[in-house]
Amino acid sequence: MQQRELAITLWRQTWPMAIGVLALLGFQLVDSAFIARLGTAQLAAQSFTFPLSFLIIGIQVGMGIAIAALISRALGAGEGERARRLSSLVLMAGGGVIGLLAIILWLFHVPIFRLLGADATTLSYIYIYWGPQLLSAWLGALLYFSYSVFRAHGDTRLPGKMMVLSSLVNLVLDPLLIFGVGDWEGWGLPGAAWATAIAFSVGLLVTTRKLLKRQWASQLGLWLEAKQSWRPFTGIAAPAMVSQLMPPLAAMLAISVVAGLGESEVAAWGLASRLETLSLMVILAMTMSLPPWLGRCYGAGDWGQIQQLMRLAVKVALVWQLSLGVVLALGAPWLAMALAGNPEVQNELTLLIRFLLPSYAALGVCMLVVSAGNALGWPLRAMLLSSARLFICYLPFLWLGSQFFGWWGLAAGAAVGNLLAGLMAWQVMRRILSRPHRQAGFVN
């Protein structure tokens, strides 16, 4: 495939997911902006829940990566019936695993949040928010698994549309359920979680109906398929889940460092975390659209196209993310003013935006290389790269910066960690793509 045709196809596969990711992450940022109007304590309470929410997302994404890789490879090899069985398995098993995790996180949430540094006032807000938030996380996981099936079949438009639809439902419900309407005062902080749960339920109803209509799931031979596929599934899912669990673990450690600086710092860090995922929307979209395409190339043995795809994706990531980061850094004071009502939180958020947003160009390269690794048969290498990014590059510099220079040092240290991670990922990708005669093996 020519470079121009490849770029057009990548654009067609990515733009629906980019719009969907923008809508999905946009409503999460809107959640935080509404909650910020309730008060700094409520915003800090929500910020403390982010690492555990990311933990759930990490497990669901790891499972989704594995199943999308297996389904796309089956489709590339012409095994349509097996692909349908795999679709059913991930929806059933994935829902059970995430449901069990949600129950465990509810039962032990008090000691966990105390360990992260939450005080009595913050815990009182977390208590009323965490239950509905776990329900919305479980519904979101089921919705994500259905998205994985569609993406494995090369359909990125429906998941993109559903992300927009659920975002619009959430946007309408958020102010109503948080602040109320008329004489009804609303639910406050829990209202944000209930709005998300309802939005995900609407998306899940639509995608389930479409999935059954297209007959991409089958109930025949599931037990035999489970026995046949559990080894390759585990071989991809286990390292992928470990890779995805590293960020929430790092987020827990990071927020424990931030908590030592004060409540307003925790609130600013929570808003910056929401802004981070929103600013990385194109990268996140490519990590969703690219692996199934790479998986089909892997199944067909087309390593030349794999090399072209990876080089093109990295170029797009660097140009887009650096341009966006510089623009947002220049507009940091106004962006912080729009997101936070407290002047102290605004100042601290402004500093984070100026340091972190441009560094996400390097972070985006690392994210693409990790996602490609899970699709192309080197999940262990991807896991090691993800671990090194967080525990060798990111956290040590963040901690050192905070110890020596406070809030300013923490922001600068996090940015330096992202830059080092991007350089490391670039070297890993260059080594792999420079030896095409070894691509079919990918020994970890």
Protein backbone atom coordinates (compact mmCIF):
# COMPACT_ATOMS: atom_id res chain seq x y z
CA MET A 1 0.00 0.00 0.00
CA GLN A 2 1.37 3.44 -0.97
CA GLN A 3 2.16 5.97 1.76
CA ARG A 4 -0.67 8.29 0.70
CA GLU A 5 -3.23 5.48 0.66
CA LEU A 6 -1.95 4.27 4.01
CA ALA A 7 -2.35 7.74 5.53
CA ILE A 8 -5.90 8.05 4.16
CA THR A 9 -6.86 4.64 5.54
CA LEU A 10 -5.32 5.45 8.92
CA TRP A 11 -7.30 8.69 8.97
CA ARG A 12 -10.55 6.89 8.13
CA GLN A 13 -9.93 4.32 10.85
CA THR A 14 -8.87 6.89 13.45
CA TRP A 15 -11.10 9.94 13.07
CA PRO A 16 -14.34 8.27 14.29
CA MET A 17 -12.49 7.02 17.36
CA ALA A 18 -10.86 10.44 17.87
CA ILE A 19 -14.26 12.14 17.88
CA GLY A 20 -15.60 9.46 20.21
CA VAL A 21 -12.63 9.76 22.56
CA LEU A 22 -12.96 13.56 22.50
CA ALA A 23 -16.61 13.27 23.45
CA LEU A 24 -15.99 10.62 26.12
CA LEU A 25 -13.06 12.38 27.75
CA GLY A 26 -14.72 15.73 27.26
CA PHE A 27 -17.66 14.72 29.43
CA GLN A 28 -15.25 13.44 32.09
CA LEU A 29 -13.58 16.84 32.11
CA VAL A 30 -17.03 18.47 32.25
CA ASP A 31 -17.80 16.22 35.26
CA SER A 32 -14.76 17.59 37.05
CA ALA A 33 -15.58 21.18 36.05
CA PHE A 34 -19.10 20.86 37.47
CA ILE A 35 -17.79 19.20 40.63
CA ALA A 36 -15.24 22.01 41.03
CA ARG A 37 -18.24 24.35 41.40
CA LEU A 38 -19.39 22.30 44.41
CA GLY A 39 -16.15 23.03 46.25
CA THR A 40 -12.48 22.13 46.57
CA ALA A 41 -13.23 19.30 49.02
CA GLN A 42 -15.60 17.58 46.60
CA LEU A 43 -13.13 17.96 43.73
CA ALA A 44 -10.33 16.55 45.89
CA ALA A 45 -12.57 13.58 46.82
CA GLN A 46 -13.16 12.82 43.15
CA SER A 47 -9.44 13.19 42.44
CA PHE A 48 -8.64 10.54 45.06
CA THR A 49 -10.86 8.05 43.22
CA PHE A 50 -9.04 8.46 39.89
CA PRO A 51 -6.26 5.90 40.58
CA LEU A 52 -8.77 3.16 41.49
CA SER A 53 -10.96 4.05 38.51
CA PHE A 54 -7.84 3.77 36.33
CA LEU A 55 -7.20 0.36 37.92
CA ILE A 56 -10.56 -0.90 36.62
CA ILE A 57 -9.92 0.68 33.23
CA GLY A 58 -6.46 -0.92 33.10
CA ILE A 59 -7.85 -4.42 33.55
CA GLN A 60 -10.66 -3.90 31.04
CA VAL A 61 -8.26 -2.41 28.47
CA GLY A 62 -5.82 -5.31 28.94
CA MET A 63 -8.61 -7.82 28.31
CA GLY A 64 -9.90 -5.76 25.40
CA ILE A 65 -6.43 -5.63 23.80
CA ALA A 66 -6.09 -9.40 24.01
CA ILE A 67 -9.51 -10.18 22.61
CA ALA A 68 -9.21 -7.60 19.82
CA ALA A 69 -5.83 -9.08 18.86
CA LEU A 70 -7.19 -12.65 18.79
CA ILE A 71 -10.35 -11.70 16.87
CA SER A 72 -8.45 -9.63 14.30
CA ARG A 73 -5.93 -12.43 13.80
CA ALA A 74 -8.76 -14.95 13.39
CA LEU A 75 -10.41 -12.71 10.80
CA GLY A 76 -7.06 -12.22 9.02
CA ALA A 77 -6.70 -16.01 8.84
CA GLY A 78 -10.29 -16.46 7.57
CA GLU A 79 -11.67 -18.02 10.79
CA GLY A 80 -14.97 -16.16 11.05
CA GLU A 81 -16.77 -18.64 13.31
CA ARG A 82 -13.95 -18.59 15.84
CA ALA A 83 -14.05 -14.79 15.86
CA ARG A 84 -17.74 -14.93 16.80
CA ARG A 85 -17.07 -17.30 19.68
CA LEU A 86 -14.27 -15.09 20.97
CA SER A 87 -16.62 -12.10 20.92
CA SER A 88 -19.08 -13.88 23.20
CA LEU A 89 -16.36 -15.02 25.57
CA VAL A 90 -14.95 -11.57 26.22
CA LEU A 91 -18.37 -10.07 26.92
CA MET A 92 -19.26 -12.79 29.42
CA ALA A 93 -15.91 -13.29 31.15
CA GLY A 94 -14.99 -9.61 31.08
CA GLY A 95 -18.23 -8.55 32.73
CA GLY A 96 -17.71 -11.10 35.51
CA VAL A 97 -14.10 -10.09 36.19
CA ILE A 98 -14.82 -6.35 36.33
CA GLY A 99 -17.92 -6.94 38.48
CA LEU A 100 -15.89 -8.93 41.02
CA LEU A 101 -13.19 -6.24 41.09
CA ALA A 102 -15.81 -3.53 41.70
CA ILE A 103 -17.19 -5.44 44.69
CA ILE A 104 -13.70 -5.83 46.19
CA LEU A 105 -12.93 -2.13 45.73
CA TRP A 106 -16.16 -1.19 47.51
CA LEU A 107 -15.53 -3.51 50.46
CA PHE A 108 -12.01 -2.20 51.08
CA HIS A 109 -12.35 1.41 49.94
CA VAL A 110 -11.91 3.01 53.39
CA PRO A 111 -8.43 1.61 54.17
CA ILE A 112 -7.34 2.13 50.56
CA PHE A 113 -8.29 5.82 50.47
CA ARG A 114 -6.81 6.39 53.93
CA LEU A 115 -3.57 4.90 52.65
CA LEU A 116 -3.66 7.34 49.73
CA GLY A 117 -3.89 10.26 52.17
CA ALA A 118 -7.62 11.09 52.32
CA ASP A 119 -8.74 12.76 55.54
CA ALA A 120 -12.08 12.30 57.35
CA THR A 121 -13.86 15.08 55.43
CA THR A 122 -12.70 13.74 52.06
CA LEU A 123 -13.70 10.19 53.04
CA SER A 124 -17.23 11.36 53.82
CA TYR A 125 -17.59 12.65 50.25
CA ILE A 126 -15.92 9.56 48.76
CA TYR A 127 -18.36 7.29 50.63
CA ILE A 128 -21.45 8.72 48.92
CA TYR A 129 -19.74 8.91 45.50
CA TRP A 130 -17.83 5.64 45.25
CA GLY A 131 -20.81 3.23 45.03
CA PRO A 132 -22.49 4.75 41.95
CA GLN A 133 -19.05 5.41 40.45
CA LEU A 134 -18.21 1.68 40.65
CA LEU A 135 -21.54 0.85 38.98
CA SER A 136 -20.78 3.27 36.15
CA ALA A 137 -17.28 1.75 35.83
CA TRP A 138 -18.76 -1.74 35.41
CA LEU A 139 -21.22 -0.55 32.77
CA GLY A 140 -18.40 1.33 31.03
CA ALA A 141 -16.32 -1.86 30.96
CA LEU A 142 -19.11 -3.82 29.28
CA LEU A 143 -19.47 -1.03 26.75
CA TYR A 144 -15.70 -1.04 26.12
CA PHE A 145 -15.68 -4.79 25.49
CA SER A 146 -18.40 -4.38 22.87
CA TYR A 147 -16.34 -1.57 21.29
CA SER A 148 -13.37 -3.99 21.13
CA VAL A 149 -15.42 -6.44 19.07
CA PHE A 150 -16.43 -3.75 16.59
CA ARG A 151 -12.86 -2.45 16.29
CA ALA A 152 -11.53 -5.96 15.69
CA HIS A 153 -13.88 -6.19 12.69
CA GLY A 154 -12.55 -2.87 11.36
CA ASP A 155 -15.64 -0.85 12.36
CA THR A 156 -14.52 2.24 14.26
CA ARG A 157 -17.51 4.39 13.30
CA LEU A 158 -20.12 2.80 15.54
CA PRO A 159 -17.94 2.94 18.69
CA GLY A 160 -17.18 6.58 17.85
CA LYS A 161 -20.87 7.39 17.45
CA MET A 162 -21.74 5.62 20.69
CA MET A 163 -19.07 7.55 22.59
CA VAL A 164 -20.58 10.79 21.30
CA LEU A 165 -24.11 9.65 22.18
CA SER A 166 -23.19 8.62 25.73
CA SER A 167 -21.26 11.87 26.17
CA LEU A 168 -24.27 13.94 25.13
CA VAL A 169 -26.55 12.04 27.51
CA ASN A 170 -24.05 12.61 30.32
CA LEU A 171 -23.69 16.30 29.44
CA VAL A 172 -27.46 16.80 29.69
CA LEU A 173 -27.82 14.84 32.93
CA ASP A 174 -24.76 16.18 34.76
CA PRO A 175 -26.07 19.62 35.81
CA LEU A 176 -29.54 18.21 36.49
CA LEU A 177 -28.38 15.42 38.79
CA ILE A 178 -25.56 17.40 40.45
CA PHE A 179 -27.30 20.75 41.05
CA GLY A 180 -30.96 19.77 40.65
CA VAL A 181 -33.77 21.57 38.88
CA GLY A 182 -36.56 23.73 40.32
CA ASP A 183 -37.23 22.91 43.97
CA TRP A 184 -35.14 19.72 43.81
CA GLU A 185 -31.58 20.41 45.00
CA GLY A 186 -29.95 17.46 43.20
CA TRP A 187 -27.59 14.81 44.52
CA GLY A 188 -24.37 16.80 44.54
CA LEU A 189 -21.20 14.77 44.00
CA PRO A 190 -22.97 11.36 43.50
CA GLY A 191 -25.08 12.94 40.74
CA ALA A 192 -22.02 13.00 38.45
CA ALA A 193 -21.56 9.23 38.84
CA TRP A 194 -25.27 8.50 38.28
CA ALA A 195 -25.25 10.62 35.12
CA THR A 196 -22.34 8.57 33.77
CA ALA A 197 -24.02 5.28 34.69
CA ILE A 198 -27.19 6.22 32.81
CA ALA A 199 -25.16 7.41 29.79
CA PHE A 200 -23.21 4.15 29.62
CA SER A 201 -26.45 2.14 29.92
CA VAL A 202 -27.88 3.90 26.88
CA GLY A 203 -24.72 3.17 24.86
CA LEU A 204 -24.69 -0.45 25.99
CA LEU A 205 -28.28 -1.03 24.87
CA VAL A 206 -27.54 0.30 21.38
CA THR A 207 -24.25 -1.57 20.87
CA THR A 208 -25.67 -4.88 22.13
CA ARG A 209 -28.54 -4.61 19.67
CA LYS A 210 -26.14 -3.86 16.79
CA LEU A 211 -23.85 -6.72 17.81
CA LEU A 212 -26.69 -9.23 17.73
CA LYS A 213 -28.00 -7.85 14.44
CA ARG A 214 -24.62 -8.29 12.72
CA GLN A 215 -24.25 -11.80 14.20
CA TRP A 216 -20.71 -11.14 15.41
CA ALA A 217 -21.28 -13.23 18.53
CA SER A 218 -22.04 -16.93 18.86
CA GLN A 219 -23.04 -19.14 21.79
CA LEU A 220 -22.09 -22.42 20.10
CA GLY A 221 -18.88 -24.15 21.17
CA LEU A 222 -17.93 -21.57 23.79
CA TRP A 223 -16.51 -24.10 26.26
CA LEU A 224 -14.27 -25.74 23.67
CA GLU A 225 -13.18 -22.32 22.42
CA ALA A 226 -12.38 -21.22 25.97
CA LYS A 227 -10.15 -24.28 26.48
CA GLN A 228 -8.45 -23.66 23.13
CA SER A 229 -7.97 -19.92 23.48
CA TRP A 230 -7.15 -19.39 27.15
CA ARG A 231 -3.40 -19.86 26.63
CA PRO A 232 -2.99 -17.37 23.75
CA PHE A 233 -5.47 -15.03 25.48
CA THR A 234 -3.50 -15.16 28.73
CA GLY A 235 -0.23 -14.75 26.83
CA ILE A 236 -1.46 -11.42 25.50
CA ALA A 237 -3.85 -10.33 28.27
CA ALA A 238 -1.56 -10.93 31.27
CA PRO A 239 1.31 -8.69 30.10
CA ALA A 240 -1.19 -6.22 28.62
CA MET A 241 -3.08 -5.99 31.92
CA VAL A 242 0.15 -5.57 33.84
CA SER A 243 1.08 -2.78 31.40
CA GLN A 244 -2.32 -1.17 31.89
CA LEU A 245 -2.18 -1.60 35.66
CA MET A 246 1.13 0.22 35.90
CA PRO A 247 -0.46 3.66 35.25
CA PRO A 248 -3.06 3.36 38.05
CA LEU A 249 -0.40 2.11 40.44
CA ALA A 250 1.80 5.04 39.43
CA ALA A 251 -1.20 7.36 39.80
CA MET A 252 -1.73 6.13 43.37
CA LEU A 253 1.90 6.82 44.21
CA ALA A 254 1.79 10.19 42.44
CA ILE A 255 -1.34 11.37 44.24
CA SER A 256 0.17 10.32 47.58
CA VAL A 257 3.09 12.65 46.76
CA VAL A 258 0.68 15.42 45.71
CA ALA A 259 -1.46 14.94 48.84
CA GLY A 260 1.52 15.92 50.96
CA LEU A 261 1.49 19.35 49.30
CA GLY A 262 -2.12 20.26 50.15
CA GLU A 263 -5.82 19.97 49.22
CA SER A 264 -5.71 22.58 46.45
CA GLU A 265 -2.76 20.74 44.87
CA VAL A 266 -4.78 17.50 44.85
CA ALA A 267 -7.69 19.33 43.20
CA ALA A 268 -5.40 20.85 40.54
CA TRP A 269 -3.75 17.47 39.91
CA GLY A 270 -7.16 15.86 39.41
CA LEU A 271 -8.15 18.47 36.83
CA ALA A 272 -4.79 18.06 35.08
CA SER A 273 -5.34 14.28 34.92
CA ARG A 274 -8.66 14.83 33.15
CA LEU A 275 -7.05 17.35 30.82
CA GLU A 276 -4.21 14.92 30.07
CA THR A 277 -6.49 12.22 28.73
CA LEU A 278 -8.51 14.75 26.75
CA SER A 279 -5.41 16.27 25.13
CA LEU A 280 -4.22 12.76 24.19
CA MET A 281 -7.47 11.99 22.33
CA VAL A 282 -5.79 11.40 18.93
CA ILE A 283 -3.15 9.14 20.49
CA LEU A 284 -5.81 7.20 22.39
CA ALA A 285 -7.85 6.88 19.19
CA MET A 286 -4.84 5.47 17.35
CA THR A 287 -4.15 3.00 20.18
CA MET A 288 -7.70 1.74 19.54
CA SER A 289 -7.77 1.80 15.72
CA LEU A 290 -4.17 0.76 14.99
CA PRO A 291 -3.80 -2.58 16.89
CA PRO A 292 -6.65 -4.41 15.07
CA TRP A 293 -5.17 -3.29 11.74
CA LEU A 294 -1.72 -4.42 12.86
CA GLY A 295 -3.25 -7.68 14.07
CA ARG A 296 -4.75 -8.40 10.65
CA CYS A 297 -1.36 -7.65 9.04
CA TYR A 298 0.23 -9.97 11.60
CA GLY A 299 -2.23 -12.74 10.72
CA ALA A 300 -1.51 -12.26 7.00
CA GLY A 301 2.28 -11.97 7.50
CA ASP A 302 2.48 -8.49 5.93
CA TRP A 303 5.46 -7.05 7.85
CA GLY A 304 6.22 -4.38 5.26
CA GLN A 305 2.89 -2.68 5.93
CA ILE A 306 3.46 -3.01 9.68
CA GLN A 307 6.67 -0.99 9.36
CA GLN A 308 4.96 1.67 7.25
CA LEU A 309 2.06 1.94 9.68
CA MET A 310 4.25 2.37 12.75
CA ARG A 311 6.43 5.06 11.18
CA LEU A 312 3.38 6.97 9.98
CA ALA A 313 1.65 6.73 13.39
CA VAL A 314 4.71 8.08 15.22
CA LYS A 315 5.00 11.04 12.82
CA VAL A 316 1.32 11.90 13.34
CA ALA A 317 1.70 11.63 17.12
CA LEU A 318 4.72 13.93 17.29
CA VAL A 319 3.40 16.65 14.99
CA TRP A 320 -0.14 16.74 16.38
CA GLN A 321 0.65 16.38 20.06
CA LEU A 322 3.49 18.90 20.11
CA SER A 323 1.41 21.50 18.24
CA LEU A 324 -1.56 21.02 20.57
CA GLY A 325 0.66 21.09 23.66
CA VAL A 326 2.28 24.39 22.73
CA VAL A 327 -1.09 26.04 21.97
CA LEU A 328 -2.63 24.89 25.25
CA ALA A 329 0.48 25.91 27.21
CA LEU A 330 0.21 29.42 25.78
CA GLY A 331 -3.46 29.59 26.79
CA ALA A 332 -2.91 27.94 30.19
CA PRO A 333 -4.22 30.80 32.41
CA TRP A 334 -7.51 31.06 30.53
CA LEU A 335 -7.95 27.28 30.37
CA ALA A 336 -7.33 26.97 34.12
CA MET A 337 -9.82 29.77 34.78
CA ALA A 338 -12.48 27.90 32.78
CA LEU A 339 -11.92 24.64 34.66
CA ALA A 340 -11.40 25.77 38.27
CA GLY A 341 -13.29 28.32 40.36
CA ASN A 342 -10.73 28.62 43.16
CA PRO A 343 -7.91 31.12 42.30
CA GLU A 344 -5.29 29.03 44.11
CA VAL A 345 -6.28 25.91 42.15
CA GLN A 346 -6.20 27.98 38.95
CA ASN A 347 -2.59 29.07 39.55
CA GLU A 348 -1.43 25.55 40.32
CA LEU A 349 -3.26 24.11 37.31
CA THR A 350 -1.71 26.76 35.04
CA LEU A 351 1.77 25.61 36.02
CA LEU A 352 0.91 21.96 35.35
CA ILE A 353 -0.49 22.76 31.90
CA ARG A 354 2.60 24.71 30.87
CA PHE A 355 4.99 21.93 31.84
CA LEU A 356 3.03 18.78 31.04
CA LEU A 357 1.03 19.44 27.87
CA PRO A 358 4.01 19.82 25.45
CA SER A 359 5.69 16.73 26.97
CA TYR A 360 2.73 14.57 25.91
CA ALA A 361 4.21 14.39 22.39
CA ALA A 362 6.90 12.08 23.78
CA LEU A 363 4.37 10.26 25.94
CA GLY A 364 2.22 9.63 22.85
CA VAL A 365 5.11 7.86 21.08
CA CYS A 366 5.54 5.56 24.07
CA MET A 367 1.80 4.79 24.19
CA LEU A 368 1.74 3.86 20.48
CA VAL A 369 4.76 1.55 20.76
CA VAL A 370 3.24 -0.20 23.79
CA SER A 371 -0.14 -0.73 22.07
CA ALA A 372 1.57 -2.02 18.92
CA GLY A 373 3.58 -4.48 20.99
CA ASN A 374 0.44 -6.09 22.36
CA ALA A 375 -0.95 -6.54 18.83
CA LEU A 376 2.22 -7.87 17.22
CA GLY A 377 3.25 -10.69 19.50
CA TRP A 378 5.69 -8.95 21.89
CA PRO A 379 3.46 -8.21 24.91
CA LEU A 380 6.26 -8.82 27.42
CA ARG A 381 8.46 -6.21 25.78
CA ALA A 382 5.50 -3.79 25.78
CA MET A 383 4.92 -4.47 29.48
CA LEU A 384 8.57 -3.82 30.31
CA LEU A 385 8.52 -0.60 28.31
CA SER A 386 5.38 0.57 30.10
CA SER A 387 6.89 -0.28 33.49
CA ALA A 388 10.14 1.52 32.69
CA ARG A 389 8.24 4.61 31.57
CA LEU A 390 6.49 4.93 34.90
CA PHE A 391 8.93 3.60 37.48
CA ILE A 392 12.28 4.60 35.96
CA CYS A 393 11.35 7.80 34.09
CA TYR A 394 8.15 9.34 35.49
CA LEU A 395 7.79 8.71 39.23
CA PRO A 396 11.41 9.19 40.32
CA PHE A 397 11.68 12.58 38.60
CA LEU A 398 8.24 13.65 39.87
CA TRP A 399 9.19 12.75 43.46
CA LEU A 400 12.66 14.31 43.28
CA GLY A 401 11.24 17.50 41.82
CA SER A 402 8.63 17.79 44.57
CA GLN A 403 11.20 17.16 47.29
CA PHE A 404 13.64 19.83 46.14
CA PHE A 405 11.42 22.43 44.45
CA GLY A 406 7.85 21.79 45.62
CA TRP A 407 4.96 22.21 43.18
CA TRP A 408 7.15 23.73 40.45
CA GLY A 409 9.61 20.82 40.71
CA LEU A 410 6.84 18.23 40.64
CA ALA A 411 5.48 19.61 37.36
CA ALA A 412 8.94 19.85 35.78
CA GLY A 413 9.91 16.38 36.98
CA ALA A 414 6.79 14.81 35.46
CA ALA A 415 7.53 16.53 32.13
CA VAL A 416 11.14 15.31 32.10
CA GLY A 417 9.92 11.77 32.82
CA ASN A 418 7.59 11.90 29.80
CA LEU A 419 10.42 13.08 27.53
CA LEU A 420 12.73 10.28 28.64
CA ALA A 421 9.96 7.70 28.12
CA GLY A 422 9.38 8.91 24.57
CA LEU A 423 13.10 8.66 23.72
CA MET A 424 13.24 5.15 25.17
CA ALA A 425 10.18 4.01 23.19
CA TRP A 426 11.65 5.49 20.00
CA GLN A 427 14.83 3.45 20.45
CA VAL A 428 12.83 0.26 21.09
CA MET A 429 10.76 0.76 17.94
CA ARG A 430 13.81 1.54 15.81
CA ARG A 431 15.54 -1.66 16.91
CA ILE A 432 12.49 -3.77 16.12
CA LEU A 433 11.68 -2.24 12.74
CA SER A 434 15.32 -2.25 11.61
CA ARG A 435 15.42 -6.06 11.64
CA PRO A 436 12.51 -7.19 9.44
CA HIS A 437 13.95 -10.67 8.97
CA ARG A 438 13.28 -11.33 12.67
CA GLN A 439 9.77 -9.87 12.79
CA ALA A 440 7.96 -13.18 12.46
CA GLY A 441 9.51 -14.42 15.71
CA PHE A 442 9.40 -11.49 18.12
CA VAL A 443 10.99 -13.37 20.94
CA ASN A 444 10.37 -11.52 24.21
